[in-house]
Each structure stands twice: as structure tokens, then as C-alpha cells.
């Protein structure tokens, strides 16, 4: 591709410019030309922020090597020094930015989407690159408002250093455990294999070979159906617990020794209690979808619970603003600024989890059983037109305010009643509304679902099946 081609304006398919990243279907809405133009545009943003060095990594999808090569070409044409860290999980790219003292980083990844998807996650300095900045980047590229220069491209593999950093968190109690691991053929597979080879204890790996077709199952460990193989592995091998990762290794799924899911907010409580032992009074952040049990138990453990908006970039930004040592989402993006860098890293979370469980003398199953009993719905997503979804939230909020409801408006509406709570919010990334309810018993859950259904009906929407 000639340099003058990179200098021309380029228009992205608007559907790929998302809230938290750039992502689309390869060959339909996302192309190699997009990657090249993105490199030129993002490189220009980094240059204007005073940066000179950018790290680039890529995941195991079949389209990733070609997209990475074009991205690197565009970055170099903007005058940056490009440090190629190679194939691995997204957190390895984040680690590389710190380890190599780079000014920015960009990861080629389709995250947990199907195999024909791919995209890019970006950071500038310590900050996520998201929201309006992504829209501004699209406009910059369309206008060919580029910086130019003769950049350089060098290989800087960090895989071994990354695994070594993970091992620093390994406590001696891990040696007591038997653990099943399922990277789901995603980008964390090679690092997981190298990590477990050096961890004490007994470790059983499945689906560790990186394969962008994801032959075993869809690479999203927050969907229980995708943990079926891991459950079998845990039970057949008498493991104490099992861990799984999404396609790019920034989200974790966990099973206890009985093969039961330990959900994201339950994991957050386990980590929060451990962190608060050393940092009493610290702020712990969780998103609005998390169980009330988490917020109540953080306070009981001496912490300051902070409910915040859903979205990993939003959570990460709030974490930096508040100085919180730990934050997380129901989707199991877990952010550690306690002894780590503040980004979401599922492999790191796994090592800390094993260290806590191994040292506690309490099995993960016993921890799960010790939690206050609640019943809840999963996160329910149902379609709502883009031009209507925010209006619906506004209508519901107005009616609830008129009724004097006990309501939190951080992200949509979260309503507390004597039965528990229900949530309705608009997705940041799709034409959907998101609902969730939690109560002390099934009767209370039905009443909460009925209240939510009534609000949707009042706005002319049919409620999902709770």
C-alpha cells in the first residue's frame, strides 16, 4: 500500500465505532484498509498528545495477523516507534505498555464475539480510549487530519515477562489446590499453559491451544452453557475449582468444586474482603448490575462501596478518579490497582483467586454457600429501538419519581423495595434494554418482575420473560 493511500481520508462503517472499542465483521464492516487508516489516525492522536512509542498486540483470530500488519503500517506512517508484542491476551498488551514504558497501546481483538468478528481496543497513557474520543477519531480519519513521519517498527515480545509478573502473585497455598483451566481456545491459552507449568498444585488444562475458530465452544465464560466442558473437567478430575477466560483474556469465569458458577459479583466480594484486610476503609467499586449483597458485605467488611455505571472503560475511569484499589463488573471484568496496574486481567485474577482460596482454609464452594441467600434473574437483554431506549428510561424515571420510589439513577434506574431491587438500563453498545431483579425469595422476585413489567407496559413495551 503506497504511502499516499494512507494519507487519504477514509470513512469507517459507522457501526464499528462503538462505545468502548472499534469492532465489526471482517470482510463486511471491517477491513484491512480500516486497520491501516486506524493506525494512521490513532498514531496522529498519540503524536498530538506528546507520545512517541506505541505497543501493538493481537489475538488468535484468523484475521488478526493481517489486521495487525496493516495497523502497524499506519502507525509507523504517523511517525511513531511501534513495538510489536505479538500474539497474546489483551492484558498482556496492557502490561507491555507499562513494561516497555510506551505512551499508548492498541490491541487487535474481537474479544468474545464470534470468529468472523474482529476489532481494536485502545489506550493512551493510563486512560482507556472510548466514547466520544472514538467518534472524534472517526472524524479525524475521514478528514485525513494526519500527522506524518518516518516511524520505526521493532519486535518486543513480552510473553515471558508477563507470565513472570503473574507468578509474583502466587501464594504458597496454591500448592494445596487442584484446578481446571479452560482458555476456550482464546488468546490466553499459551500464557495459561506457561503459567500453570510453573504454579504449585495440580492443574488440568483443556482447550488451551489458540484457535481462532473456537472449536470447543463460544469464548464467553459469563454464559453458563459455555462452561459445560469445564464443569465436566472439574468433576471428573476432583478439582477444587475451575477457571475460564473469554476470547482475549480480560474476563474470567469461575466454577467451585461442585461445578457451580461463582458469579462476577460473588468473586468481587471474595477479593474485596481480602483487600480490605490490608486496606481498611478503601473504596470498592461495582456496577449497577451487582447484587446488593456485594455492597452490603463490602460495608460490613469495613470498606466504602461505590455503585457506578456499567462499562469497563467507565469503571476503570472512575477507579482512577476515586483511588479505589479494586473494582469490577457483573460481566467479570475485574480491575486490581492493589499490587497491580489497575487494568482488567483474567489470568491475574485467577492467580489471586487461587492464592486467597489456598490460604483461607475454606473451599470456594464453602465461600459460595456462606453468602446471604438471594434469588435473582440473570441479566436480561431485550430489543428496543436506538431512538427509543433512552426515552423509555426517562419515562420510567419520571413515573417512579412521582411515586416517591427509592431509586438510584447512576445508570438507568435501580429501584429498591421491601422485596429487594430491580434494574432497567439502556445498553451503551446495542439497541437493547437491560433488566435484572433480585429478592430474598421467589415470591419477592415475582413481585419485582411484575413491577418492572408494569413500567415497561406503561411505556408501550412488552416485557421479556423473567
Protein backbone atom coordinates (compact mmCIF):
# COMPACT_ATOMS: atom_id res chain seq x y z
CA UNK A 1 0.00 0.00 0.00
CA UNK A 2 1.52 3.27 -1.10
CA UNK A 3 2.08 5.98 1.48
CA UNK A 4 -0.18 8.39 -0.42
CA UNK A 5 -3.05 5.94 0.01
CA UNK A 6 -2.60 6.09 3.77
CA UNK A 7 -2.64 9.89 3.52
CA UNK A 8 -6.14 9.95 2.06
CA UNK A 9 -9.30 10.36 4.06
CA UNK A 10 -11.05 7.12 4.94
CA UNK A 11 -14.57 6.50 6.16
CA UNK A 12 -15.29 3.69 8.60
CA UNK A 13 -18.59 1.88 8.58
CA UNK A 14 -20.33 3.80 11.39
CA UNK A 15 -21.45 0.57 13.06
CA UNK A 16 -17.87 -0.33 14.02
CA UNK A 17 -17.25 2.87 16.02
CA UNK A 18 -18.60 1.57 19.30
CA UNK A 19 -18.67 2.97 22.81
CA UNK A 20 -15.64 1.10 24.18
CA UNK A 21 -13.76 -0.09 21.11
CA UNK A 22 -13.83 -0.48 17.34
CA UNK A 23 -15.35 -3.80 16.29
CA UNK A 24 -17.06 -5.30 13.25
CA UNK A 25 -17.45 -8.27 10.93
CA UNK A 26 -14.32 -8.91 8.88
CA UNK A 27 -14.98 -8.62 5.16
CA UNK A 28 -18.29 -6.83 5.72
CA UNK A 29 -17.95 -3.87 8.06
CA UNK A 30 -14.24 -4.20 8.92
CA UNK A 31 -11.29 -4.46 6.52
CA UNK A 32 -7.52 -4.33 6.31
CA UNK A 33 -7.91 -0.81 4.86
CA UNK A 34 -9.76 0.16 8.03
CA UNK A 35 -6.88 -1.14 10.13
CA UNK A 36 -4.33 0.82 8.13
CA UNK A 37 -6.36 4.03 8.36
CA UNK A 38 -6.97 3.47 12.06
CA UNK A 39 -3.23 3.18 12.62
CA UNK A 40 -2.64 6.47 10.86
CA UNK A 41 -5.43 8.19 12.80
CA UNK A 42 -4.68 6.75 16.22
CA UNK A 43 -0.99 7.40 15.69
CA UNK A 44 -1.81 11.04 14.98
CA UNK A 45 -3.80 11.27 18.22
CA UNK A 46 -0.87 9.81 20.16
CA UNK A 47 1.62 12.15 18.49
CA UNK A 48 -0.51 15.19 19.36
CA UNK A 49 -0.68 14.03 22.96
CA UNK A 50 3.14 14.09 23.03
CA UNK A 51 3.61 10.35 22.58
CA UNK A 52 6.35 8.68 20.58
CA UNK A 53 6.02 4.95 21.36
CA UNK A 54 3.04 2.63 20.92
CA UNK A 55 2.66 -1.09 21.71
CA UNK A 56 0.65 -3.36 19.41
CA UNK A 57 -0.63 -6.87 20.15
CA UNK A 58 -3.10 -9.26 18.54
CA UNK A 59 -5.34 -12.16 19.49
CA UNK A 60 -5.72 -15.60 17.93
CA UNK A 61 -8.43 -14.87 15.39
CA UNK A 62 -7.68 -15.89 11.83
CA UNK A 63 -7.95 -12.30 10.62
CA UNK A 64 -5.76 -10.79 13.33
CA UNK A 65 -2.29 -11.11 11.73
CA UNK A 66 -3.34 -9.24 8.57
CA UNK A 67 -5.14 -6.55 10.55
CA UNK A 68 -2.14 -6.16 12.86
CA UNK A 69 0.27 -5.76 9.94
CA UNK A 70 -1.86 -3.05 8.34
CA UNK A 71 -2.35 -1.30 11.70
CA UNK A 72 1.42 -1.24 12.26
CA UNK A 73 1.95 0.24 8.80
CA UNK A 74 -0.44 3.07 9.57
CA UNK A 75 1.06 3.74 12.99
CA UNK A 76 4.57 3.92 11.58
CA UNK A 77 3.42 6.32 8.84
CA UNK A 78 2.29 8.70 11.58
CA UNK A 79 5.87 8.87 12.85
CA UNK A 80 5.63 6.60 15.91
CA UNK A 81 8.01 3.95 17.17
CA UNK A 82 5.88 0.79 17.01
CA UNK A 83 6.63 -2.01 19.45
CA UNK A 84 5.10 -5.29 18.33
CA UNK A 85 4.49 -7.51 21.35
CA UNK A 86 2.93 -10.36 19.38
CA UNK A 87 0.16 -12.88 19.96
CA UNK A 88 -1.43 -12.98 23.38
CA UNK A 89 -4.30 -11.79 25.55
CA UNK A 90 -5.36 -8.15 25.77
CA UNK A 91 -3.98 -7.81 29.34
CA UNK A 92 -0.53 -8.75 28.00
CA UNK A 93 -0.76 -5.71 25.72
CA UNK A 94 -1.74 -3.54 28.71
CA UNK A 95 1.18 -4.99 30.67
CA UNK A 96 3.52 -4.24 27.77
CA UNK A 97 2.59 -0.57 27.86
CA UNK A 98 3.90 -0.40 31.41
CA UNK A 99 6.85 -2.76 30.97
CA UNK A 100 8.10 -1.05 27.81
CA UNK A 101 7.21 2.45 29.01
CA UNK A 102 5.14 3.12 25.92
CA UNK A 103 2.83 6.10 25.55
CA UNK A 104 -0.09 4.15 24.12
CA UNK A 105 -1.25 0.70 23.17
CA UNK A 106 -3.64 -0.87 20.69
CA UNK A 107 -4.84 -4.47 20.66
CA UNK A 108 -6.27 -6.28 17.66
CA UNK A 109 -9.06 -8.38 19.15
CA UNK A 110 -12.65 -9.43 18.65
CA UNK A 111 -12.94 -10.11 22.38
CA UNK A 112 -15.74 -12.65 22.99
CA UNK A 113 -17.52 -12.16 19.67
CA UNK A 114 -17.96 -14.95 17.06
CA UNK A 115 -14.98 -15.89 14.88
CA UNK A 116 -15.87 -13.61 11.97
CA UNK A 117 -15.62 -10.51 14.16
CA UNK A 118 -12.51 -8.53 14.98
CA UNK A 119 -11.62 -5.10 16.25
CA UNK A 120 -9.33 -2.86 18.28
CA UNK A 121 -9.02 -1.83 21.94
CA UNK A 122 -7.01 1.30 22.61
CA UNK A 123 -5.31 3.08 25.50
CA UNK A 124 -3.48 6.40 25.60
CA UNK A 125 -1.31 6.86 28.65
CA UNK A 126 -3.12 5.18 31.53
CA UNK A 127 -6.53 6.04 30.13
CA UNK A 128 -8.95 3.95 28.11
CA UNK A 129 -9.78 5.43 24.72
CA UNK A 130 -13.55 5.28 24.43
CA UNK A 131 -16.83 7.12 23.95
CA UNK A 132 -16.64 10.46 22.15
CA UNK A 133 -12.90 10.02 21.57
CA UNK A 134 -13.66 7.10 19.25
CA UNK A 135 -16.17 9.22 17.33
CA UNK A 136 -13.61 12.03 17.09
CA UNK A 137 -11.08 9.53 15.75
CA UNK A 138 -13.55 8.55 13.02
CA UNK A 139 -13.93 12.19 12.01
CA UNK A 140 -10.15 12.74 12.05
CA UNK A 141 -9.60 9.78 9.73
CA UNK A 142 -12.38 10.88 7.37
CA UNK A 143 -10.75 14.32 7.10
CA UNK A 144 -7.24 12.87 6.66
CA UNK A 145 -6.14 15.12 9.52
CA UNK A 146 -2.96 13.12 9.98
CA UNK A 147 0.49 13.54 11.43
CA UNK A 148 3.30 12.27 9.22
CA UNK A 149 6.77 10.95 9.88
CA UNK A 150 9.19 8.10 9.45
CA UNK A 151 8.36 5.77 12.27
CA UNK A 152 10.11 2.55 13.22
CA UNK A 153 8.86 -0.97 13.80
CA UNK A 154 10.54 -3.42 16.18
CA UNK A 155 9.57 -6.72 17.77
CA UNK A 156 9.36 -6.64 21.58
CA UNK A 157 7.90 -9.94 22.80
CA UNK A 158 6.77 -9.70 26.43
CA UNK A 159 5.07 -13.07 26.89
CA UNK A 160 7.69 -14.47 29.28
CA UNK A 161 7.90 -11.25 31.30
CA UNK A 162 4.11 -11.16 31.54
CA UNK A 163 3.91 -14.73 32.86
CA UNK A 164 6.71 -13.98 35.31
CA UNK A 165 4.74 -10.99 36.59
CA UNK A 166 1.66 -13.16 37.11
CA UNK A 167 3.73 -15.67 39.06
CA UNK A 168 4.75 -12.95 41.52
CA UNK A 169 1.21 -13.11 42.89
CA UNK A 170 1.27 -16.86 43.52
CA UNK A 171 0.89 -17.63 47.21
CA UNK A 172 2.13 -20.89 48.75
CA UNK A 173 -1.41 -22.05 49.43
CA UNK A 174 -1.92 -22.71 45.71
CA UNK A 175 0.04 -25.92 46.20
CA UNK A 176 -2.91 -27.39 48.09
CA UNK A 177 -5.30 -26.99 45.17
CA UNK A 178 -6.37 -28.92 42.11
CA UNK A 179 -7.53 -26.55 39.41
CA UNK A 180 -9.15 -26.97 35.98
CA UNK A 181 -8.43 -24.30 33.37
CA UNK A 182 -10.32 -23.57 30.14
CA UNK A 183 -8.93 -20.74 27.98
CA UNK A 184 -11.59 -21.63 25.41
CA UNK A 185 -9.05 -21.70 22.54
CA UNK A 186 -8.69 -17.95 23.07
CA UNK A 187 -5.65 -15.72 23.21
CA UNK A 188 -4.89 -16.54 26.86
CA UNK A 189 -4.16 -20.19 26.07
CA UNK A 190 -0.37 -20.06 25.66
CA UNK A 191 0.09 -17.85 28.71
CA UNK A 192 -2.19 -20.11 30.78
CA UNK A 193 -0.14 -23.15 29.78
CA UNK A 194 3.14 -21.42 30.68
CA UNK A 195 1.68 -20.16 33.93
CA UNK A 196 0.28 -23.46 35.15
CA UNK A 197 3.51 -25.25 34.28
CA UNK A 198 5.21 -23.15 36.97
CA UNK A 199 2.44 -22.93 39.55
CA UNK A 200 2.40 -25.33 42.51
CA UNK A 201 -0.58 -27.66 42.85
CA UNK A 202 -2.31 -29.89 40.31
CA UNK A 203 -3.57 -28.25 37.14
CA UNK A 204 -5.67 -29.68 34.31
CA UNK A 205 -5.91 -27.68 31.07
CA UNK A 206 -8.49 -28.04 28.31
CA UNK A 207 -8.86 -26.02 25.10
CA UNK A 208 -5.54 -24.27 25.69
CA UNK A 209 -4.47 -24.36 22.02
CA UNK A 210 -5.15 -20.94 20.47
CA UNK A 211 -7.59 -21.45 17.61
CA UNK A 212 -9.50 -18.53 16.10
CA UNK A 213 -12.37 -20.77 15.00
CA UNK A 214 -13.15 -21.55 18.68
CA UNK A 215 -13.94 -25.21 18.00
CA UNK A 216 -14.81 -26.16 21.60
CA UNK A 217 -17.38 -23.52 22.49
CA UNK A 218 -18.12 -19.82 22.22
CA UNK A 219 -15.43 -17.82 24.11
CA UNK A 220 -17.67 -16.09 26.66
CA UNK A 221 -17.35 -17.57 30.19
CA UNK A 222 -20.15 -15.44 31.63
CA UNK A 223 -22.69 -17.64 29.79
CA UNK A 224 -23.14 -20.79 31.85
CA UNK A 225 -23.65 -23.01 28.81
CA UNK A 226 -20.08 -22.22 27.71
CA UNK A 227 -18.75 -23.68 30.98
CA UNK A 228 -20.14 -27.18 30.40
CA UNK A 229 -16.78 -28.68 29.42
CA UNK A 230 -15.07 -27.02 32.37
CA UNK A 231 -17.73 -28.38 34.74
CA UNK A 232 -17.12 -31.90 33.47
CA UNK A 233 -13.38 -31.41 33.87
CA UNK A 234 -13.76 -30.15 37.44
CA UNK A 235 -15.99 -33.04 38.48
CA UNK A 236 -14.11 -35.80 36.62
CA UNK A 237 -10.73 -34.71 38.00
CA UNK A 238 -11.82 -33.93 41.55
CA UNK A 239 -10.74 -30.31 41.23
CA UNK A 240 -11.26 -27.69 43.91
CA UNK A 241 -12.34 -25.14 41.33
CA UNK A 242 -12.24 -24.27 37.64
CA UNK A 243 -11.40 -21.06 35.79
CA UNK A 244 -12.22 -20.00 32.24
CA UNK A 245 -11.38 -16.96 30.12
CA UNK A 246 -13.02 -15.08 27.29
CA UNK A 247 -11.54 -14.76 23.81
CA UNK A 248 -8.99 -12.08 24.70
CA UNK A 249 -8.38 -12.97 28.35
CA UNK A 250 -9.72 -9.91 30.15
CA UNK A 251 -12.79 -11.60 31.69
CA UNK A 252 -12.93 -14.63 33.95
CA UNK A 253 -15.47 -17.37 34.61
CA UNK A 254 -15.22 -19.50 37.76
CA UNK A 255 -16.75 -22.77 38.98
CA UNK A 256 -16.50 -24.14 42.50
CA UNK A 257 -15.57 -27.75 43.24
CA UNK A 258 -19.20 -28.82 42.81
CA UNK A 259 -19.31 -27.34 39.32
CA UNK A 260 -21.47 -24.36 40.34
CA UNK A 261 -20.88 -20.92 38.84
CA UNK A 262 -19.37 -18.30 41.13
CA UNK A 263 -20.68 -15.13 39.52
CA UNK A 264 -18.77 -11.91 38.96
CA UNK A 265 -20.23 -10.05 41.94
CA UNK A 266 -19.57 -13.03 44.22
CA UNK A 267 -15.95 -13.07 43.10
CA UNK A 268 -15.75 -9.35 43.76
CA UNK A 269 -16.76 -9.90 47.37
CA UNK A 270 -14.07 -12.54 47.86
CA UNK A 271 -11.41 -10.18 46.50
CA UNK A 272 -12.80 -7.14 48.32
CA UNK A 273 -12.70 -8.82 51.71
CA UNK A 274 -9.09 -9.85 51.15
CA UNK A 275 -8.02 -6.37 50.02
CA UNK A 276 -9.83 -4.66 52.90
CA UNK A 277 -7.80 -6.67 55.41
CA UNK A 278 -4.76 -4.68 54.32
CA UNK A 279 -6.56 -1.50 53.24
CA UNK A 280 -9.41 -0.86 55.70
CA UNK A 281 -11.79 1.86 54.66
CA UNK A 282 -10.85 1.60 50.98
CA UNK A 283 -13.37 2.36 48.25
CA UNK A 284 -14.52 -0.68 46.27
CA UNK A 285 -16.43 -0.07 43.02
CA UNK A 286 -19.03 -2.32 41.40
CA UNK A 287 -21.51 -1.67 38.61
CA UNK A 288 -25.26 -1.18 38.99
CA UNK A 289 -26.00 -4.77 37.96
CA UNK A 290 -24.20 -6.22 41.00
CA UNK A 291 -26.03 -7.86 43.89
CA UNK A 292 -26.99 -5.78 46.90
CA UNK A 293 -25.20 -8.47 48.90
CA UNK A 294 -21.91 -7.22 47.48
CA UNK A 295 -22.46 -3.61 48.50
CA UNK A 296 -23.75 -4.57 51.96
CA UNK A 297 -20.91 -7.00 52.63
CA UNK A 298 -18.24 -4.53 51.49
CA UNK A 299 -19.57 -2.08 54.06
CA UNK A 300 -19.69 -4.84 56.69
CA UNK A 301 -16.04 -5.63 55.95
CA UNK A 302 -15.07 -2.01 56.61
CA UNK A 303 -14.96 -0.78 53.03
CA UNK A 304 -16.74 2.02 51.20
CA UNK A 305 -18.94 0.50 48.48
CA UNK A 306 -19.39 2.68 45.40
CA UNK A 307 -22.04 1.81 42.81
CA UNK A 308 -21.17 3.01 39.32
CA UNK A 309 -22.14 2.80 35.68
CA UNK A 310 -21.78 -0.41 33.69
CA UNK A 311 -18.94 -0.44 31.15
CA UNK A 312 -15.33 -1.48 31.67
CA UNK A 313 -13.93 1.85 30.44
CA UNK A 314 -16.33 3.77 32.68
CA UNK A 315 -15.44 1.64 35.69
CA UNK A 316 -11.72 1.97 35.01
CA UNK A 317 -12.03 5.75 34.72
CA UNK A 318 -13.99 6.00 37.99
CA UNK A 319 -11.43 3.79 39.67
CA UNK A 320 -8.64 6.18 38.72
CA UNK A 321 -10.66 9.20 39.87
CA UNK A 322 -11.53 7.70 43.26
CA UNK A 323 -8.25 5.96 44.02
CA UNK A 324 -10.09 2.68 44.59
CA UNK A 325 -7.75 -0.33 44.85
CA UNK A 326 -10.30 -2.69 43.31
CA UNK A 327 -13.33 -2.53 41.04
CA UNK A 328 -15.39 -4.90 38.97
CA UNK A 329 -18.43 -5.65 36.88
CA UNK A 330 -21.01 -8.42 36.86
CA UNK A 331 -19.53 -9.34 33.48
CA UNK A 332 -16.35 -10.31 35.39
CA UNK A 333 -14.09 -7.53 34.22
CA UNK A 334 -12.05 -7.28 37.45
CA UNK A 335 -9.64 -4.37 37.96
CA UNK A 336 -6.82 -4.55 40.50
CA UNK A 337 -4.88 -1.41 41.43
CA UNK A 338 -3.81 -3.21 44.60
CA UNK A 339 -0.37 -4.65 43.83
CA UNK A 340 -1.13 -4.40 40.09
CA UNK A 341 -1.66 -1.84 37.35
CA UNK A 342 -5.40 -1.17 37.50
CA UNK A 343 -6.48 -2.93 34.32
CA UNK A 344 -8.70 -5.99 33.85
CA UNK A 345 -6.67 -9.19 33.60
CA UNK A 346 -8.39 -12.56 33.98
CA UNK A 347 -5.14 -14.54 34.36
CA UNK A 348 -4.02 -12.23 37.14
CA UNK A 349 -7.43 -12.53 38.79
CA UNK A 350 -7.12 -16.32 38.59
CA UNK A 351 -3.76 -16.36 40.36
CA UNK A 352 -5.04 -14.06 43.11
CA UNK A 353 -8.15 -16.19 43.47
CA UNK A 354 -6.11 -19.36 43.90
CA UNK A 355 -3.83 -17.65 46.41
CA UNK A 356 -6.78 -16.47 48.51
CA UNK A 357 -8.59 -19.81 48.44
CA UNK A 358 -5.41 -21.76 49.10
CA UNK A 359 -4.53 -19.64 52.12
CA UNK A 360 -8.03 -19.37 53.58
CA UNK A 361 -8.66 -22.94 54.66
CA UNK A 362 -12.16 -22.52 53.19
CA UNK A 363 -13.12 -24.08 49.88
CA UNK A 364 -14.61 -21.92 47.18
CA UNK A 365 -17.81 -23.96 47.48
CA UNK A 366 -17.98 -23.19 51.20
CA UNK A 367 -17.48 -19.49 50.48
CA UNK A 368 -20.32 -19.58 47.97
CA UNK A 369 -22.60 -21.33 50.44
CA UNK A 370 -21.76 -18.78 53.16
CA UNK A 371 -23.21 -15.85 51.21
CA UNK A 372 -26.58 -14.41 52.29
CA UNK A 373 -29.28 -16.27 50.32
CA UNK A 374 -30.91 -14.33 47.49
CA UNK A 375 -32.69 -15.26 44.29
CA UNK A 376 -32.22 -13.23 41.15
CA UNK A 377 -32.72 -13.15 37.44
CA UNK A 378 -29.79 -13.18 35.07
CA UNK A 379 -29.02 -10.05 33.11
CA UNK A 380 -31.94 -9.95 30.66
CA UNK A 381 -31.39 -8.10 27.40
CA UNK A 382 -34.31 -7.37 25.08
CA UNK A 383 -34.63 -5.26 21.91
CA UNK A 384 -35.57 -1.60 21.94
CA UNK A 385 -35.03 0.82 19.09
CA UNK A 386 -31.98 3.07 19.42
CA UNK A 387 -34.10 6.21 19.19
CA UNK A 388 -36.48 4.88 21.87
CA UNK A 389 -34.33 3.25 24.53
CA UNK A 390 -33.16 6.41 26.33
CA UNK A 391 -36.66 7.86 26.19
CA UNK A 392 -38.08 4.77 27.86
CA UNK A 393 -35.62 5.13 30.72
CA UNK A 394 -36.63 8.77 31.08
CA UNK A 395 -40.34 7.90 31.17
CA UNK A 396 -39.83 5.20 33.78
CA UNK A 397 -37.67 7.51 35.87
CA UNK A 398 -40.30 10.26 35.80
CA UNK A 399 -43.09 7.93 36.88
CA UNK A 400 -41.01 6.47 39.70
CA UNK A 401 -40.01 9.93 40.92
CA UNK A 402 -43.69 10.95 41.02
CA UNK A 403 -44.41 7.86 43.11
CA UNK A 404 -41.59 8.67 45.54
CA UNK A 405 -39.72 5.45 44.76
CA UNK A 406 -36.41 4.64 46.41
CA UNK A 407 -34.37 4.95 43.24
CA UNK A 408 -30.73 5.16 42.13
CA UNK A 409 -30.20 6.95 38.81
CA UNK A 410 -26.48 6.36 38.21
CA UNK A 411 -27.11 4.22 35.12
CA UNK A 412 -30.76 3.82 34.14
CA UNK A 413 -32.95 3.19 37.21
CA UNK A 414 -32.28 0.81 40.08
CA UNK A 415 -35.28 0.64 42.41
CA UNK A 416 -35.24 -0.69 45.98
CA UNK A 417 -38.36 -2.08 47.64
CA UNK A 418 -39.07 -4.22 50.70
CA UNK A 419 -38.62 -7.26 48.44
CA UNK A 420 -35.20 -6.31 47.03
CA UNK A 421 -34.35 -4.36 43.88
CA UNK A 422 -34.87 -4.19 40.16
CA UNK A 423 -32.85 -2.51 37.43
CA UNK A 424 -33.64 -1.15 33.99
CA UNK A 425 -30.93 0.49 31.90
CA UNK A 426 -30.13 1.18 28.27
CA UNK A 427 -27.21 -0.68 26.72
CA UNK A 428 -24.29 1.52 25.70
CA UNK A 429 -23.43 -0.68 22.73
CA UNK A 430 -26.63 -2.27 21.35
CA UNK A 431 -30.27 -1.47 20.58
CA UNK A 432 -31.42 -3.19 23.75
CA UNK A 433 -32.65 -2.52 27.25
CA UNK A 434 -31.17 -4.47 30.14
CA UNK A 435 -33.16 -5.67 33.17
CA UNK A 436 -32.33 -7.53 36.36
CA UNK A 437 -34.18 -8.30 39.62
CA UNK A 438 -33.02 -9.65 42.98
CA UNK A 439 -35.06 -10.62 46.04
CA UNK A 440 -34.90 -12.64 49.23
CA UNK A 441 -37.26 -15.32 47.92
CA UNK A 442 -39.14 -16.40 44.81
CA UNK A 443 -42.36 -14.62 45.81
CA UNK A 444 -40.49 -11.35 46.18
CA UNK A 445 -38.78 -11.89 42.85
CA UNK A 446 -42.15 -12.30 41.16
CA UNK A 447 -43.39 -9.03 42.68
CA UNK A 448 -40.30 -7.19 41.50
CA UNK A 449 -40.63 -8.62 37.99
CA UNK A 450 -44.29 -7.59 37.97
CA UNK A 451 -43.38 -4.02 38.95
CA UNK A 452 -40.79 -3.85 36.18
CA UNK A 453 -43.24 -5.36 33.69
CA UNK A 454 -45.83 -2.73 34.60
CA UNK A 455 -43.34 0.09 33.97
CA UNK A 456 -42.44 -1.31 30.56
CA UNK A 457 -46.10 -1.69 29.66
CA UNK A 458 -46.73 1.93 30.64
CA UNK A 459 -44.11 2.88 28.05
CA UNK A 460 -45.65 0.63 25.40
CA UNK A 461 -43.10 -2.18 25.61
CA UNK A 462 -43.65 -5.89 26.07
CA UNK A 463 -41.65 -7.25 28.99
CA UNK A 464 -39.14 -10.06 28.49
CA UNK A 465 -39.69 -13.47 30.01
CA UNK A 466 -38.41 -13.26 33.58
